[in-house]
């Protein structure tokens, strides 16, 4: 028979998934507002940010009550504390989506600088990371969480590629600088969204396997930079 505590944990999962779905949708709308040059989509992004913020507050309150009243142990304790970290990362993803939408509003007023090819690819990878990492959290699947961490490198590579390409535009024609900088910021926002998904993946791995991989991953990144 399902206990009241288990029901409360299930409600927590449902609210987290609702928040994650809103974040995914906000990212999609923000990038579509840029690619489709549709400023109305950008405005919808701003509306969803308010919903995300309200959900963050509600979920945090739920987690605090569970910790205070249920005094969970072991894996349930790790689950609830991970949930509190996850909502912070999700809220910050929403902020990055809003930043993209703000850039889109500016860029949509100007002639398009270049075809948008890599930005939709970055978005697709980042969104898949967000979706899969929440599935990993709900299903306590550390293997899926590890696959999310691995995809972060793909987004980083695309970000570097677009940055170099935009630099060539800026050098060739100073009139492109403002638009190029806006696009660099869009790519940086997508790269940060992928970083937040990776943070969640690391929390999932800790929750499931009681294993901290964060500092190991940071060390590998620093080694890669040194080799470069």
Protein backbone atom coordinates (compact mmCIF):
# COMPACT_ATOMS: atom_id res chain seq x y z
CA UNK A 1 0.00 0.00 0.00
CA UNK A 2 1.32 3.44 -0.93
CA UNK A 3 2.15 5.56 2.09
CA UNK A 4 1.37 9.26 2.42
CA UNK A 5 5.09 10.01 2.17
CA UNK A 6 5.34 8.13 -1.13
CA UNK A 7 2.36 10.09 -2.45
CA UNK A 8 4.07 13.34 -1.49
CA UNK A 9 7.25 12.25 -3.28
CA UNK A 10 5.18 11.44 -6.36
CA UNK A 11 3.61 14.91 -6.25
CA UNK A 12 7.09 16.38 -6.02
CA UNK A 13 8.14 14.44 -9.14
CA UNK A 14 5.06 15.62 -11.04
CA UNK A 15 5.73 19.26 -10.20
CA UNK A 16 9.37 18.94 -11.21
CA UNK A 17 8.36 17.47 -14.55
CA UNK A 18 5.83 20.26 -15.02
CA UNK A 19 8.54 22.84 -14.38
CA UNK A 20 10.97 21.06 -16.72
CA UNK A 21 8.35 20.92 -19.48
CA UNK A 22 7.77 24.66 -19.09
CA UNK A 23 11.51 25.28 -19.32
CA UNK A 24 11.81 23.14 -22.47
CA UNK A 25 8.91 25.03 -24.04
CA UNK A 26 10.41 28.40 -23.05
CA UNK A 27 13.74 27.51 -24.68
CA UNK A 28 11.95 26.35 -27.83
CA UNK A 29 9.87 29.55 -28.06
CA UNK A 30 12.90 31.76 -27.49
CA UNK A 31 14.93 30.16 -30.27
CA UNK A 32 11.95 30.00 -32.64
CA UNK A 33 11.40 33.72 -32.07
CA UNK A 34 14.92 34.21 -33.45
CA UNK A 35 14.91 31.64 -36.26
CA UNK A 36 11.39 32.52 -37.46
CA UNK A 37 11.92 36.24 -36.75
CA UNK A 38 8.67 36.23 -34.80
CA UNK A 39 8.73 38.69 -31.89
CA UNK A 40 5.34 37.50 -30.61
CA UNK A 41 7.00 34.19 -29.67
CA UNK A 42 9.57 36.12 -27.65
CA UNK A 43 6.77 37.75 -25.65
CA UNK A 44 5.33 34.31 -24.88
CA UNK A 45 8.73 33.40 -23.44
CA UNK A 46 8.44 36.22 -20.91
CA UNK A 47 5.01 34.97 -19.80
CA UNK A 48 6.35 31.47 -19.18
CA UNK A 49 9.22 32.80 -17.10
CA UNK A 50 6.70 33.97 -14.47
CA UNK A 51 5.17 30.48 -14.36
CA UNK A 52 8.61 28.91 -13.93
CA UNK A 53 9.45 31.25 -11.06
CA UNK A 54 6.19 30.47 -9.27
CA UNK A 55 6.77 26.74 -9.63
CA UNK A 56 10.29 27.07 -8.25
CA UNK A 57 8.94 28.70 -5.09
CA UNK A 58 6.18 26.10 -4.68
CA UNK A 59 8.52 23.13 -5.17
CA UNK A 60 11.12 24.54 -2.78
CA UNK A 61 8.42 24.96 -0.13
CA UNK A 62 7.29 21.37 -0.73
CA UNK A 63 10.88 20.09 -0.32
CA UNK A 64 11.43 22.01 2.91
CA UNK A 65 8.21 20.65 4.39
CA UNK A 66 9.18 17.08 3.45
CA UNK A 67 12.58 17.50 5.09
CA UNK A 68 11.11 19.02 8.24
CA UNK A 69 8.09 16.79 8.71
CA UNK A 70 9.18 13.43 7.24
CA UNK A 71 12.87 13.39 8.17
CA UNK A 72 13.74 11.20 5.16
CA UNK A 73 16.77 8.91 5.15
CA UNK A 74 19.28 7.63 2.58
CA UNK A 75 18.05 7.68 -1.03
CA UNK A 76 14.86 9.64 -0.22
CA UNK A 77 16.93 12.31 1.49
CA UNK A 78 19.23 12.52 -1.53
CA UNK A 79 16.17 12.67 -3.80
CA UNK A 80 14.67 15.68 -2.00
CA UNK A 81 17.95 17.57 -1.67
CA UNK A 82 18.68 16.90 -5.36
CA UNK A 83 15.22 18.26 -6.22
CA UNK A 84 16.07 21.52 -4.44
CA UNK A 85 19.24 21.89 -6.51
CA UNK A 86 17.45 20.93 -9.72
CA UNK A 87 14.79 23.64 -9.46
CA UNK A 88 17.56 26.23 -9.17
CA UNK A 89 19.15 24.98 -12.38
CA UNK A 90 15.77 24.86 -14.13
CA UNK A 91 14.98 28.43 -13.08
CA UNK A 92 18.33 29.59 -14.43
CA UNK A 93 17.63 27.81 -17.72
CA UNK A 94 14.43 29.83 -17.92
CA UNK A 95 16.47 33.00 -17.36
CA UNK A 96 18.80 32.04 -20.21
CA UNK A 97 15.80 31.46 -22.49
CA UNK A 98 14.55 34.96 -21.66
CA UNK A 99 18.00 36.34 -22.51
CA UNK A 100 17.75 34.62 -25.91
CA UNK A 101 14.28 36.08 -26.48
CA UNK A 102 15.54 39.57 -25.64
CA UNK A 103 18.32 39.20 -28.20
CA UNK A 104 15.79 37.93 -30.73
CA UNK A 105 13.68 41.06 -30.28
CA UNK A 106 16.69 43.18 -31.20
CA UNK A 107 17.89 40.98 -34.04
CA UNK A 108 14.43 40.75 -35.59
CA UNK A 109 14.56 44.49 -36.23
CA UNK A 110 17.70 44.14 -38.38
CA UNK A 111 18.56 42.26 -41.59
CA UNK A 112 19.52 38.67 -40.80
CA UNK A 113 23.30 38.37 -40.53
CA UNK A 114 23.64 34.70 -41.48
CA UNK A 115 21.56 31.54 -41.93
CA UNK A 116 20.66 30.02 -38.58
CA UNK A 117 22.01 26.46 -38.83
CA UNK A 118 24.17 25.76 -35.80
CA UNK A 119 21.94 27.59 -33.31
CA UNK A 120 18.95 25.23 -33.94
CA UNK A 121 21.38 22.28 -33.64
CA UNK A 122 22.64 23.57 -30.31
CA UNK A 123 19.05 24.06 -29.19
CA UNK A 124 18.06 20.53 -30.16
CA UNK A 125 20.95 19.03 -28.19
CA UNK A 126 20.35 21.26 -25.17
CA UNK A 127 16.62 20.46 -25.12
CA UNK A 128 17.31 16.74 -25.37
CA UNK A 129 19.67 17.09 -22.41
CA UNK A 130 16.98 18.83 -20.35
CA UNK A 131 14.38 16.19 -21.20
CA UNK A 132 16.64 13.22 -20.62
CA UNK A 133 18.12 14.49 -17.37
CA UNK A 134 14.66 14.88 -15.83
CA UNK A 135 13.75 11.40 -17.05
CA UNK A 136 16.97 10.19 -15.41
CA UNK A 137 16.00 11.94 -12.18
CA UNK A 138 12.47 10.56 -12.05
CA UNK A 139 13.54 7.03 -13.02
CA UNK A 140 16.74 7.15 -10.95
CA UNK A 141 18.74 6.24 -14.05
CA UNK A 142 22.40 7.18 -13.57
CA UNK A 143 23.39 5.71 -16.95
CA UNK A 144 21.07 8.15 -18.77
CA UNK A 145 22.41 10.97 -16.57
CA UNK A 146 25.96 10.13 -17.66
CA UNK A 147 24.93 10.32 -21.32
CA UNK A 148 23.65 13.85 -20.66
CA UNK A 149 27.06 14.85 -19.29
CA UNK A 150 28.72 13.52 -22.44
CA UNK A 151 26.51 15.66 -24.70
CA UNK A 152 27.71 18.86 -23.04
CA UNK A 153 30.90 18.67 -25.10
CA UNK A 154 28.88 18.75 -28.34
CA UNK A 155 27.24 22.03 -27.34
CA UNK A 156 30.60 23.49 -26.32
CA UNK A 157 32.08 22.58 -29.70
CA UNK A 158 29.21 24.18 -31.61
CA UNK A 159 29.47 27.30 -29.46
CA UNK A 160 33.19 27.60 -30.28
CA UNK A 161 32.48 27.00 -33.96
CA UNK A 162 29.83 29.73 -34.19
CA UNK A 163 32.01 32.13 -32.19
CA UNK A 164 34.87 31.76 -34.68
CA UNK A 165 32.51 32.18 -37.63
CA UNK A 166 30.97 35.34 -36.19
CA UNK A 167 34.41 36.79 -35.55
CA UNK A 168 35.14 36.59 -39.28
CA UNK A 169 31.97 38.61 -39.98
CA UNK A 170 33.01 41.26 -37.45
CA UNK A 171 36.53 41.55 -38.85
CA UNK A 172 35.31 41.74 -42.44
CA UNK A 173 32.61 44.35 -41.77
CA UNK A 174 32.40 46.41 -38.56
CA UNK A 175 28.72 47.12 -39.32
CA UNK A 176 27.96 43.50 -38.36
CA UNK A 177 29.46 43.77 -34.89
CA UNK A 178 26.24 44.48 -32.96
CA UNK A 179 24.32 41.66 -34.63
CA UNK A 180 27.25 39.26 -34.27
CA UNK A 181 27.58 40.03 -30.55
CA UNK A 182 23.85 39.37 -30.05
CA UNK A 183 24.25 35.97 -31.75
CA UNK A 184 27.33 35.18 -29.65
CA UNK A 185 25.26 35.85 -26.54
CA UNK A 186 22.47 33.58 -27.83
CA UNK A 187 24.99 30.76 -28.28
CA UNK A 188 26.47 31.46 -24.87
CA UNK A 189 22.99 31.18 -23.33
CA UNK A 190 22.45 27.81 -25.01
CA UNK A 191 25.85 26.66 -23.77
CA UNK A 192 24.85 27.70 -20.23
CA UNK A 193 21.56 25.81 -20.53
CA UNK A 194 23.56 22.68 -21.39
CA UNK A 195 25.80 23.35 -18.37
CA UNK A 196 22.76 23.52 -16.08
CA UNK A 197 21.48 20.22 -17.51
CA UNK A 198 24.91 18.75 -16.77
CA UNK A 199 24.70 20.04 -13.19
CA UNK A 200 21.40 18.21 -12.79
CA UNK A 201 22.90 15.04 -14.29
CA UNK A 202 25.69 15.17 -11.71
CA UNK A 203 23.08 15.54 -8.94
CA UNK A 204 21.21 12.51 -10.31
CA UNK A 205 24.38 10.42 -10.30
CA UNK A 206 24.98 11.42 -6.68
CA UNK A 207 21.37 10.67 -5.77
CA UNK A 208 21.41 7.20 -7.35
CA UNK A 209 25.00 6.04 -6.85
CA UNK A 210 26.06 8.28 -3.92
CA UNK A 211 29.00 9.23 -6.15
CA UNK A 212 30.36 12.76 -6.63
CA UNK A 213 31.62 13.27 -10.18
CA UNK A 214 31.48 17.07 -10.40
CA UNK A 215 35.08 17.82 -9.52
CA UNK A 216 36.36 14.97 -11.71
CA UNK A 217 34.49 16.47 -14.67
CA UNK A 218 35.92 19.92 -13.93
CA UNK A 219 39.44 18.49 -13.82
CA UNK A 220 38.98 16.84 -17.20
CA UNK A 221 37.78 20.13 -18.73
CA UNK A 222 40.82 21.93 -17.37
CA UNK A 223 43.11 19.22 -18.77
CA UNK A 224 41.46 19.54 -22.17
CA UNK A 225 41.99 23.32 -22.12
CA UNK A 226 45.64 22.81 -21.25
CA UNK A 227 46.12 20.41 -24.14
CA UNK A 228 44.46 22.91 -26.47
